[in-house]
């Protein structure tokens, strides 16, 4: 096993369909709506299941062949109160691309453990590494 933490801008091309829990928090609502998974009854509808602050969630899927672009990686120091996965805030925010084009309303975040089941490959350098190369070329010219 090789240790890998994606950087912002890295692109992962899905080899297999990826299913995960999509938490119905406001930053994920456009994505959930675009997949037809959930449409809030009102703009003020609570994203929590109950008063214990457990977020509502649905099962979502991104199909093989699509590309996930890493937009944000959020890892924080271990919290003693994070007894179960739902208590933890570690997450990765993605955007879905079809080829080089971003899919409309495809920005969403997932909890870190949901990313462990992604089967992917990267073609050549990721966008992050290309960006570094581009900056070096500009600086040298």
Protein backbone atom coordinates (compact mmCIF):
# COMPACT_ATOMS: atom_id res chain seq x y z
CA UNK A 1 0.00 0.00 0.00
CA UNK A 2 1.29 3.47 -0.88
CA UNK A 3 0.38 6.46 1.28
CA UNK A 4 -1.27 9.26 -0.72
CA UNK A 5 -2.93 12.49 0.36
CA UNK A 6 -4.35 14.43 -2.58
CA UNK A 7 -3.47 18.07 -3.01
CA UNK A 8 -5.96 20.69 -4.14
CA UNK A 9 -6.16 20.45 -7.92
CA UNK A 10 -5.33 16.74 -8.10
CA UNK A 11 -7.61 14.84 -10.45
CA UNK A 12 -8.77 11.27 -9.90
CA UNK A 13 -10.34 9.40 -12.84
CA UNK A 14 -12.79 6.83 -11.48
CA UNK A 15 -12.11 3.23 -12.52
CA UNK A 16 -15.29 1.98 -10.83
CA UNK A 17 -18.56 3.57 -9.76
CA UNK A 18 -18.11 5.23 -6.36
CA UNK A 19 -20.96 5.13 -3.85
CA UNK A 20 -20.83 7.23 -0.69
CA UNK A 21 -22.91 8.99 1.95
CA UNK A 22 -23.83 12.50 0.83
CA UNK A 23 -24.60 14.64 3.86
CA UNK A 24 -27.50 17.00 3.26
CA UNK A 25 -25.76 20.06 4.60
CA UNK A 26 -26.26 23.34 2.70
CA UNK A 27 -22.95 23.05 0.78
CA UNK A 28 -24.07 19.69 -0.68
CA UNK A 29 -27.67 20.58 -1.51
CA UNK A 30 -27.14 21.72 -5.13
CA UNK A 31 -25.27 18.50 -5.86
CA UNK A 32 -27.98 16.37 -4.19
CA UNK A 33 -30.65 18.24 -6.15
CA UNK A 34 -28.74 17.86 -9.45
CA UNK A 35 -28.61 14.08 -8.90
CA UNK A 36 -32.33 14.02 -8.05
CA UNK A 37 -31.56 12.64 -4.59
CA UNK A 38 -33.15 15.31 -2.45
CA UNK A 39 -35.11 18.52 -2.88
CA UNK A 40 -35.75 20.55 0.27
CA UNK A 41 -39.38 21.46 0.87
CA UNK A 42 -38.37 24.97 1.95
CA UNK A 43 -35.17 26.99 1.85
CA UNK A 44 -35.13 26.87 5.66
CA UNK A 45 -35.56 23.12 6.02
CA UNK A 46 -33.21 21.76 8.65
CA UNK A 47 -30.37 19.55 7.47
CA UNK A 48 -30.37 17.80 10.84
CA UNK A 49 -32.24 14.59 11.60
CA UNK A 50 -32.93 15.61 15.19
CA UNK A 51 -31.80 17.92 17.98
CA UNK A 52 -28.58 15.87 18.45
CA UNK A 53 -27.17 17.53 15.30
CA UNK A 54 -26.90 14.34 13.24
CA UNK A 55 -26.91 15.41 9.58
CA UNK A 56 -29.40 13.89 7.16
CA UNK A 57 -27.68 11.82 4.48
CA UNK A 58 -28.49 9.92 1.30
CA UNK A 59 -26.53 7.39 -0.76
CA UNK A 60 -25.00 8.98 -3.85
CA UNK A 61 -22.99 7.64 -6.76
CA UNK A 62 -20.49 9.04 -9.26
CA UNK A 63 -20.04 6.72 -12.22
CA UNK A 64 -16.80 5.25 -13.53
CA UNK A 65 -15.10 7.39 -16.17
CA UNK A 66 -15.89 10.70 -14.48
CA UNK A 67 -13.05 12.71 -12.94
CA UNK A 68 -13.02 14.03 -9.38
CA UNK A 69 -11.03 17.22 -8.88
CA UNK A 70 -9.89 17.89 -5.32
CA UNK A 71 -10.94 21.39 -4.27
CA UNK A 72 -10.33 21.27 -0.52
CA UNK A 73 -8.78 18.88 2.01
CA UNK A 74 -9.81 19.52 5.61
CA UNK A 75 -8.06 17.54 8.34
CA UNK A 76 -8.03 18.71 11.91
CA UNK A 77 -6.50 17.56 15.15
CA UNK A 78 -8.14 14.54 16.76
CA UNK A 79 -11.13 15.44 18.85
CA UNK A 80 -11.91 13.29 21.88
CA UNK A 81 -15.60 14.01 21.33
CA UNK A 82 -15.47 12.46 17.83
CA UNK A 83 -16.46 8.99 18.97
CA UNK A 84 -18.11 7.94 15.71
CA UNK A 85 -17.66 8.94 12.05
CA UNK A 86 -20.66 11.29 12.16
CA UNK A 87 -18.92 13.32 14.90
CA UNK A 88 -15.78 13.90 12.85
CA UNK A 89 -15.26 16.90 10.55
CA UNK A 90 -12.37 15.61 8.41
CA UNK A 91 -13.49 15.92 4.79
CA UNK A 92 -12.53 16.36 1.15
CA UNK A 93 -14.40 18.64 -1.24
CA UNK A 94 -14.60 17.54 -4.86
CA UNK A 95 -15.95 18.78 -8.16
CA UNK A 96 -16.98 16.35 -10.89
CA UNK A 97 -15.57 16.72 -14.40
CA UNK A 98 -16.56 14.97 -17.59
CA UNK A 99 -13.41 15.10 -19.67
CA UNK A 100 -11.99 18.58 -19.04
CA UNK A 101 -15.39 20.20 -18.45
CA UNK A 102 -16.80 20.76 -14.96
CA UNK A 103 -20.27 19.29 -14.46
CA UNK A 104 -22.79 21.96 -13.37
CA UNK A 105 -23.61 21.98 -9.61
CA UNK A 106 -21.11 19.21 -8.96
CA UNK A 107 -19.24 20.64 -5.97
CA UNK A 108 -19.70 18.52 -2.84
CA UNK A 109 -17.87 17.35 0.26
CA UNK A 110 -17.61 13.90 1.80
CA UNK A 111 -16.29 12.69 5.11
CA UNK A 112 -12.78 11.33 4.85
CA UNK A 113 -13.67 7.64 5.49
CA UNK A 114 -16.03 7.70 2.47
CA UNK A 115 -13.04 8.43 0.21
CA UNK A 116 -11.30 5.18 1.18
CA UNK A 117 -13.41 3.20 -1.31
CA UNK A 118 -12.53 5.30 -4.39
CA UNK A 119 -10.89 3.22 -7.14
CA UNK A 120 -9.12 5.54 -9.57
CA UNK A 121 -6.12 6.26 -11.72
CA UNK A 122 -4.31 9.44 -12.70
CA UNK A 123 -3.22 10.14 -16.25
CA UNK A 124 0.19 11.77 -16.34
CA UNK A 125 0.64 14.55 -13.86
CA UNK A 126 -2.29 15.82 -11.87
CA UNK A 127 -3.45 19.40 -12.37
CA UNK A 128 -1.63 20.40 -9.16
CA UNK A 129 1.70 19.20 -10.48
CA UNK A 130 1.03 20.79 -13.89
CA UNK A 131 0.35 24.09 -12.12
CA UNK A 132 3.74 23.92 -10.39
CA UNK A 133 5.42 23.15 -13.72
CA UNK A 134 3.61 26.08 -15.38
CA UNK A 135 4.70 28.48 -12.63
CA UNK A 136 8.34 27.34 -12.99
CA UNK A 137 8.19 27.89 -16.76
CA UNK A 138 6.79 31.41 -16.28
CA UNK A 139 9.45 32.25 -13.67
CA UNK A 140 12.26 31.02 -15.95
CA UNK A 141 11.12 33.04 -18.97
